[in-house]
Amino acid sequence: MARQHTKEDRLDMLLELGGGMCAWCGFDLARPQARPTRDHIVPKIKGGPTRLENEVAACGACNQLRGSTSPSQFIERSRSERLLEPNAALVADQLESLDAAIAKEGGMRKIRDYVTREAKRCRQLAQG
């Protein structure tokens, strides 16, 4: 049986994956005021699963501000309104991993098209 990771383990893995920075604003999550969190890329309210492929490390402020906004919309809004450069490549990588997992394992019919569409859009945003 596969080992279940604790919330703290999962956050540590996401911090390592994202270089210790918030995926949405680039803030150093090692700083005390950062309040690092696990943010669901496809929000749970929209059917997003709680699994590593659907999560990024984010500061508490960005996680709360983003809410259930789609990842591509939040990246665009962060660039235009907040003058920040989110890590669109990381978000795209995670969505592409989630898309591959859905294709392999099946299920998650409600979010399949959304994940595929958002992965493509975030990859386009990452490439400029």
N, C-alpha and C. Protein backbone atom coordinates (compact mmCIF):
# COMPACT_ATOMS: atom_id res chain seq x y z
N MET A 1 0.84 -1.19 0.00
CA MET A 1 0.00 0.00 0.00
C MET A 1 0.88 1.24 0.00
N ALA A 2 0.52 2.24 -0.80
CA ALA A 2 1.30 3.47 -0.90
C ALA A 2 1.20 4.27 0.40
N ARG A 3 2.29 4.90 0.74
CA ARG A 3 2.35 5.73 1.95
C ARG A 3 1.54 7.00 1.73
N GLN A 4 0.70 7.33 2.69
CA GLN A 4 -0.06 8.57 2.64
C GLN A 4 0.80 9.69 3.22
N HIS A 5 0.86 10.79 2.53
CA HIS A 5 1.64 11.93 3.00
C HIS A 5 0.79 12.83 3.88
N THR A 6 1.41 13.38 4.91
CA THR A 6 0.71 14.35 5.75
C THR A 6 0.61 15.67 5.00
N LYS A 7 -0.23 16.57 5.49
CA LYS A 7 -0.34 17.90 4.89
C LYS A 7 1.00 18.61 4.89
N GLU A 8 1.75 18.43 5.97
CA GLU A 8 3.06 19.07 6.07
C GLU A 8 4.03 18.49 5.03
N ASP A 9 4.00 17.17 4.84
CA ASP A 9 4.84 16.53 3.81
C ASP A 9 4.50 17.09 2.43
N ARG A 10 3.22 17.19 2.16
CA ARG A 10 2.77 17.67 0.85
C ARG A 10 3.22 19.11 0.63
N LEU A 11 3.10 19.94 1.65
CA LEU A 11 3.54 21.32 1.52
C LEU A 11 5.05 21.38 1.28
N ASP A 12 5.80 20.57 2.00
CA ASP A 12 7.25 20.52 1.79
C ASP A 12 7.59 20.13 0.36
N MET A 13 6.88 19.14 -0.19
CA MET A 13 7.13 18.72 -1.57
C MET A 13 6.80 19.84 -2.56
N LEU A 14 5.72 20.55 -2.30
CA LEU A 14 5.32 21.65 -3.18
C LEU A 14 6.29 22.83 -3.08
N LEU A 15 6.78 23.08 -1.87
CA LEU A 15 7.78 24.14 -1.70
C LEU A 15 9.04 23.82 -2.48
N GLU A 16 9.46 22.56 -2.43
CA GLU A 16 10.64 22.15 -3.18
C GLU A 16 10.40 22.28 -4.68
N LEU A 17 9.24 21.84 -5.12
CA LEU A 17 8.89 21.90 -6.54
C LEU A 17 8.90 23.34 -7.06
N GLY A 18 8.42 24.27 -6.24
CA GLY A 18 8.33 25.67 -6.65
C GLY A 18 9.51 26.52 -6.23
N GLY A 19 10.58 25.89 -5.78
CA GLY A 19 11.76 26.66 -5.39
C GLY A 19 11.56 27.52 -4.16
N GLY A 20 10.59 27.16 -3.32
CA GLY A 20 10.34 27.91 -2.09
C GLY A 20 9.63 29.23 -2.29
N MET A 21 9.06 29.42 -3.49
CA MET A 21 8.40 30.68 -3.81
C MET A 21 6.90 30.46 -4.04
N CYS A 22 6.12 31.50 -3.79
CA CYS A 22 4.70 31.47 -4.11
C CYS A 22 4.54 31.37 -5.63
N ALA A 23 3.75 30.43 -6.09
CA ALA A 23 3.54 30.25 -7.53
C ALA A 23 2.85 31.46 -8.16
N TRP A 24 2.12 32.22 -7.37
CA TRP A 24 1.32 33.31 -7.93
C TRP A 24 1.99 34.67 -7.86
N CYS A 25 2.84 34.91 -6.86
CA CYS A 25 3.46 36.24 -6.74
C CYS A 25 4.98 36.21 -6.64
N GLY A 26 5.56 35.03 -6.44
CA GLY A 26 7.00 34.91 -6.35
C GLY A 26 7.58 35.25 -4.98
N PHE A 27 6.73 35.47 -3.99
CA PHE A 27 7.18 35.81 -2.65
C PHE A 27 7.92 34.63 -2.04
N ASP A 28 9.00 34.91 -1.34
CA ASP A 28 9.80 33.87 -0.68
C ASP A 28 9.00 33.30 0.49
N LEU A 29 8.60 32.05 0.38
CA LEU A 29 7.75 31.45 1.39
C LEU A 29 8.49 31.05 2.66
N ALA A 30 9.80 31.26 2.70
CA ALA A 30 10.56 31.02 3.93
C ALA A 30 10.45 32.20 4.88
N ARG A 31 10.00 33.35 4.36
CA ARG A 31 9.86 34.53 5.22
C ARG A 31 8.70 34.33 6.18
N PRO A 32 8.84 34.80 7.42
CA PRO A 32 7.83 34.54 8.45
C PRO A 32 6.42 35.01 8.08
N GLN A 33 6.31 36.13 7.40
CA GLN A 33 4.99 36.67 7.09
C GLN A 33 4.32 35.99 5.89
N ALA A 34 4.96 35.02 5.29
CA ALA A 34 4.46 34.40 4.06
C ALA A 34 3.22 33.53 4.26
N ARG A 35 3.10 32.87 5.38
CA ARG A 35 2.00 31.92 5.63
C ARG A 35 1.84 30.95 4.46
N PRO A 36 2.83 30.08 4.19
CA PRO A 36 2.75 29.16 3.05
C PRO A 36 1.55 28.21 3.14
N THR A 37 0.91 28.02 2.00
CA THR A 37 -0.26 27.15 1.91
C THR A 37 -0.14 26.26 0.67
N ARG A 38 -1.01 25.25 0.62
CA ARG A 38 -1.18 24.44 -0.59
C ARG A 38 -2.41 24.97 -1.30
N ASP A 39 -2.23 25.47 -2.51
CA ASP A 39 -3.36 26.01 -3.27
C ASP A 39 -3.77 25.01 -4.34
N HIS A 40 -5.04 24.70 -4.40
CA HIS A 40 -5.57 23.81 -5.44
C HIS A 40 -5.66 24.60 -6.74
N ILE A 41 -4.97 24.14 -7.77
CA ILE A 41 -4.99 24.83 -9.06
C ILE A 41 -6.39 24.79 -9.65
N VAL A 42 -6.98 23.60 -9.72
CA VAL A 42 -8.40 23.48 -10.04
C VAL A 42 -9.09 23.48 -8.68
N PRO A 43 -9.79 24.56 -8.35
CA PRO A 43 -10.36 24.69 -7.01
C PRO A 43 -11.26 23.50 -6.64
N LYS A 44 -11.24 23.16 -5.36
CA LYS A 44 -12.07 22.06 -4.88
C LYS A 44 -13.54 22.30 -5.19
N ILE A 45 -13.97 23.54 -5.10
CA ILE A 45 -15.37 23.87 -5.37
C ILE A 45 -15.77 23.58 -6.82
N LYS A 46 -14.77 23.52 -7.71
CA LYS A 46 -15.02 23.20 -9.12
C LYS A 46 -14.71 21.74 -9.43
N GLY A 47 -14.50 20.94 -8.39
CA GLY A 47 -14.26 19.52 -8.57
C GLY A 47 -12.80 19.12 -8.58
N GLY A 48 -11.91 20.05 -8.26
CA GLY A 48 -10.48 19.75 -8.26
C GLY A 48 -10.11 18.78 -7.15
N PRO A 49 -9.32 17.76 -7.48
CA PRO A 49 -8.94 16.77 -6.48
C PRO A 49 -7.81 17.27 -5.58
N THR A 50 -7.72 16.68 -4.40
CA THR A 50 -6.61 16.96 -3.50
C THR A 50 -5.53 15.93 -3.80
N ARG A 51 -4.64 16.32 -4.72
CA ARG A 51 -3.50 15.49 -5.08
C ARG A 51 -2.40 16.42 -5.55
N LEU A 52 -1.16 15.97 -5.44
CA LEU A 52 -0.02 16.85 -5.71
C LEU A 52 -0.08 17.51 -7.08
N GLU A 53 -0.55 16.78 -8.09
CA GLU A 53 -0.60 17.36 -9.44
C GLU A 53 -1.54 18.55 -9.54
N ASN A 54 -2.43 18.70 -8.59
CA ASN A 54 -3.39 19.79 -8.61
C ASN A 54 -3.09 20.85 -7.56
N GLU A 55 -1.86 20.89 -7.08
CA GLU A 55 -1.52 21.85 -6.04
C GLU A 55 -0.21 22.57 -6.35
N VAL A 56 -0.11 23.79 -5.85
CA VAL A 56 1.14 24.55 -5.86
C VAL A 56 1.29 25.19 -4.49
N ALA A 57 2.51 25.54 -4.13
CA ALA A 57 2.75 26.30 -2.90
C ALA A 57 2.40 27.75 -3.19
N ALA A 58 1.68 28.36 -2.27
CA ALA A 58 1.27 29.76 -2.43
C ALA A 58 1.29 30.45 -1.08
N CYS A 59 1.53 31.75 -1.10
CA CYS A 59 1.42 32.51 0.15
C CYS A 59 -0.07 32.59 0.50
N GLY A 60 -0.35 32.76 1.77
CA GLY A 60 -1.73 32.83 2.22
C GLY A 60 -2.52 33.93 1.54
N ALA A 61 -1.87 35.07 1.28
CA ALA A 61 -2.56 36.19 0.65
C ALA A 61 -3.02 35.84 -0.76
N CYS A 62 -2.15 35.23 -1.55
CA CYS A 62 -2.52 34.87 -2.93
C CYS A 62 -3.58 33.77 -2.94
N ASN A 63 -3.45 32.80 -2.06
CA ASN A 63 -4.43 31.72 -2.00
C ASN A 63 -5.82 32.29 -1.72
N GLN A 64 -5.89 33.20 -0.76
CA GLN A 64 -7.17 33.81 -0.41
C GLN A 64 -7.68 34.71 -1.54
N LEU A 65 -6.79 35.52 -2.11
CA LEU A 65 -7.18 36.44 -3.18
C LEU A 65 -7.68 35.69 -4.41
N ARG A 66 -7.02 34.60 -4.75
CA ARG A 66 -7.39 33.83 -5.94
C ARG A 66 -8.75 33.18 -5.78
N GLY A 67 -9.04 32.63 -4.62
CA GLY A 67 -10.32 31.97 -4.42
C GLY A 67 -10.53 30.88 -5.45
N SER A 68 -11.64 30.94 -6.19
CA SER A 68 -11.94 29.92 -7.20
C SER A 68 -11.72 30.42 -8.63
N THR A 69 -10.96 31.51 -8.77
CA THR A 69 -10.63 32.03 -10.10
C THR A 69 -9.80 31.00 -10.85
N SER A 70 -10.04 30.87 -12.16
CA SER A 70 -9.26 29.91 -12.94
C SER A 70 -7.79 30.31 -12.92
N PRO A 71 -6.88 29.34 -13.05
CA PRO A 71 -5.45 29.68 -13.02
C PRO A 71 -5.05 30.66 -14.12
N SER A 72 -5.55 30.46 -15.33
CA SER A 72 -5.15 31.36 -16.42
C SER A 72 -5.67 32.78 -16.18
N GLN A 73 -6.89 32.91 -15.68
CA GLN A 73 -7.42 34.24 -15.38
C GLN A 73 -6.62 34.91 -14.27
N PHE A 74 -6.24 34.14 -13.26
CA PHE A 74 -5.48 34.73 -12.15
C PHE A 74 -4.09 35.15 -12.60
N ILE A 75 -3.46 34.36 -13.46
CA ILE A 75 -2.15 34.74 -14.00
C ILE A 75 -2.27 36.04 -14.78
N GLU A 76 -3.27 36.12 -15.66
CA GLU A 76 -3.47 37.33 -16.45
C GLU A 76 -3.76 38.54 -15.57
N ARG A 77 -4.64 38.34 -14.58
CA ARG A 77 -4.99 39.44 -13.67
C ARG A 77 -3.79 39.87 -12.83
N SER A 78 -2.99 38.91 -12.38
CA SER A 78 -1.80 39.24 -11.59
C SER A 78 -0.81 40.06 -12.41
N ARG A 79 -0.67 39.71 -13.67
CA ARG A 79 0.24 40.45 -14.54
C ARG A 79 -0.26 41.87 -14.80
N SER A 80 -1.55 42.02 -15.06
CA SER A 80 -2.06 43.33 -15.44
C SER A 80 -2.38 44.24 -14.26
N GLU A 81 -3.00 43.70 -13.22
CA GLU A 81 -3.45 44.52 -12.10
C GLU A 81 -2.44 44.60 -10.96
N ARG A 82 -1.73 43.50 -10.72
CA ARG A 82 -0.83 43.45 -9.57
C ARG A 82 0.62 43.63 -9.98
N LEU A 83 0.87 43.68 -11.28
CA LEU A 83 2.22 43.84 -11.83
C LEU A 83 3.18 42.79 -11.28
N LEU A 84 2.69 41.56 -11.20
CA LEU A 84 3.49 40.44 -10.72
C LEU A 84 3.67 39.45 -11.86
N GLU A 85 4.67 38.59 -11.73
CA GLU A 85 4.91 37.57 -12.75
C GLU A 85 4.76 36.19 -12.11
N PRO A 86 3.54 35.64 -12.15
CA PRO A 86 3.34 34.30 -11.61
C PRO A 86 4.17 33.27 -12.36
N ASN A 87 4.41 32.15 -11.72
CA ASN A 87 5.17 31.07 -12.32
C ASN A 87 4.22 30.23 -13.19
N ALA A 88 3.87 30.78 -14.34
CA ALA A 88 2.92 30.12 -15.24
C ALA A 88 3.43 28.78 -15.72
N ALA A 89 4.75 28.65 -15.87
CA ALA A 89 5.32 27.37 -16.32
C ALA A 89 5.08 26.27 -15.28
N LEU A 90 5.25 26.59 -14.01
CA LEU A 90 5.00 25.61 -12.94
C LEU A 90 3.53 25.21 -12.93
N VAL A 91 2.65 26.20 -13.03
CA VAL A 91 1.21 25.91 -13.03
C VAL A 91 0.86 25.03 -14.23
N ALA A 92 1.41 25.36 -15.40
CA ALA A 92 1.17 24.55 -16.60
C ALA A 92 1.71 23.13 -16.42
N ASP A 93 2.91 23.01 -15.85
CA ASP A 93 3.50 21.68 -15.60
C ASP A 93 2.57 20.84 -14.72
N GLN A 94 2.08 21.44 -13.65
CA GLN A 94 1.20 20.72 -12.73
C GLN A 94 -0.10 20.31 -13.43
N LEU A 95 -0.68 21.24 -14.18
CA LEU A 95 -1.92 20.91 -14.89
C LEU A 95 -1.71 19.83 -15.93
N GLU A 96 -0.58 19.86 -16.62
CA GLU A 96 -0.28 18.82 -17.61
C GLU A 96 -0.09 17.47 -16.92
N SER A 97 0.51 17.46 -15.73
CA SER A 97 0.65 16.22 -14.96
C SER A 97 -0.71 15.70 -14.52
N LEU A 98 -1.58 16.62 -14.09
CA LEU A 98 -2.93 16.23 -13.69
C LEU A 98 -3.69 15.69 -14.89
N ASP A 99 -3.57 16.35 -16.03
CA ASP A 99 -4.24 15.91 -17.26
C ASP A 99 -3.78 14.49 -17.63
N ALA A 100 -2.49 14.23 -17.53
CA ALA A 100 -1.95 12.89 -17.84
C ALA A 100 -2.47 11.85 -16.85
N ALA A 101 -2.54 12.22 -15.57
CA ALA A 101 -3.05 11.29 -14.56
C ALA A 101 -4.52 10.96 -14.81
N ILE A 102 -5.30 11.96 -15.19
CA ILE A 102 -6.72 11.73 -15.50
C ILE A 102 -6.84 10.80 -16.70
N ALA A 103 -6.04 11.04 -17.73
CA ALA A 103 -6.08 10.19 -18.93
C ALA A 103 -5.71 8.74 -18.59
N LYS A 104 -4.74 8.57 -17.71
CA LYS A 104 -4.27 7.23 -17.35
C LYS A 104 -5.24 6.51 -16.42
N GLU A 105 -5.72 7.23 -15.40
CA GLU A 105 -6.53 6.60 -14.35
C GLU A 105 -8.02 6.64 -14.62
N GLY A 106 -8.45 7.55 -15.51
CA GLY A 106 -9.87 7.71 -15.76
C GLY A 106 -10.53 8.52 -14.65
N GLY A 107 -11.82 8.58 -14.70
CA GLY A 107 -12.56 9.35 -13.70
C GLY A 107 -12.46 10.85 -13.92
N MET A 108 -12.91 11.59 -12.97
CA MET A 108 -12.87 13.06 -12.97
C MET A 108 -13.45 13.65 -14.26
N ARG A 109 -14.53 13.05 -14.75
CA ARG A 109 -15.15 13.52 -16.00
C ARG A 109 -15.53 14.99 -15.96
N LYS A 110 -15.97 15.45 -14.80
CA LYS A 110 -16.44 16.83 -14.68
C LYS A 110 -15.35 17.86 -14.98
N ILE A 111 -14.09 17.50 -14.71
CA ILE A 111 -13.03 18.50 -14.85
C ILE A 111 -12.07 18.24 -16.00
N ARG A 112 -12.24 17.14 -16.72
CA ARG A 112 -11.28 16.78 -17.78
C ARG A 112 -11.06 17.91 -18.78
N ASP A 113 -12.13 18.39 -19.38
CA ASP A 113 -12.00 19.45 -20.40
C ASP A 113 -11.41 20.72 -19.80
N TYR A 114 -11.84 21.06 -18.60
CA TYR A 114 -11.34 22.25 -17.92
C TYR A 114 -9.83 22.15 -17.71
N VAL A 115 -9.36 21.00 -17.23
CA VAL A 115 -7.92 20.80 -16.98
C VAL A 115 -7.14 20.91 -18.27
N THR A 116 -7.60 20.25 -19.32
CA THR A 116 -6.91 20.30 -20.62
C THR A 116 -6.84 21.73 -21.14
N ARG A 117 -7.96 22.43 -21.08
CA ARG A 117 -8.02 23.82 -21.57
C ARG A 117 -7.11 24.74 -20.75
N GLU A 118 -7.16 24.62 -19.43
CA GLU A 118 -6.33 25.48 -18.57
C GLU A 118 -4.85 25.15 -18.72
N ALA A 119 -4.51 23.88 -18.90
CA ALA A 119 -3.10 23.50 -19.11
C ALA A 119 -2.57 24.17 -20.37
N LYS A 120 -3.35 24.13 -21.45
CA LYS A 120 -2.92 24.76 -22.71
C LYS A 120 -2.80 26.27 -22.56
N ARG A 121 -3.78 26.87 -21.91
CA ARG A 121 -3.76 28.33 -21.74
C ARG A 121 -2.60 28.77 -20.86
N CYS A 122 -2.35 28.07 -19.78
CA CYS A 122 -1.23 28.42 -18.89
C CYS A 122 0.11 28.20 -19.58
N ARG A 123 0.22 27.17 -20.41
CA ARG A 123 1.45 26.95 -21.17
C ARG A 123 1.68 28.11 -22.14
N GLN A 124 0.61 28.58 -22.79
CA GLN A 124 0.73 29.74 -23.68
C GLN A 124 1.18 30.97 -22.90
N LEU A 125 0.62 31.17 -21.73
CA LEU A 125 1.00 32.32 -20.90
C LEU A 125 2.45 32.20 -20.44
N ALA A 126 2.90 30.99 -20.19
CA ALA A 126 4.29 30.77 -19.76
C ALA A 126 5.27 31.09 -20.88
N GLN A 127 4.85 30.87 -22.10
CA GLN A 127 5.72 31.10 -23.25
C GLN A 127 5.68 32.54 -23.74
N GLY A 128 4.84 33.33 -23.11
CA GLY A 128 4.83 34.76 -23.43
C GLY A 128 3.84 35.14 -24.43
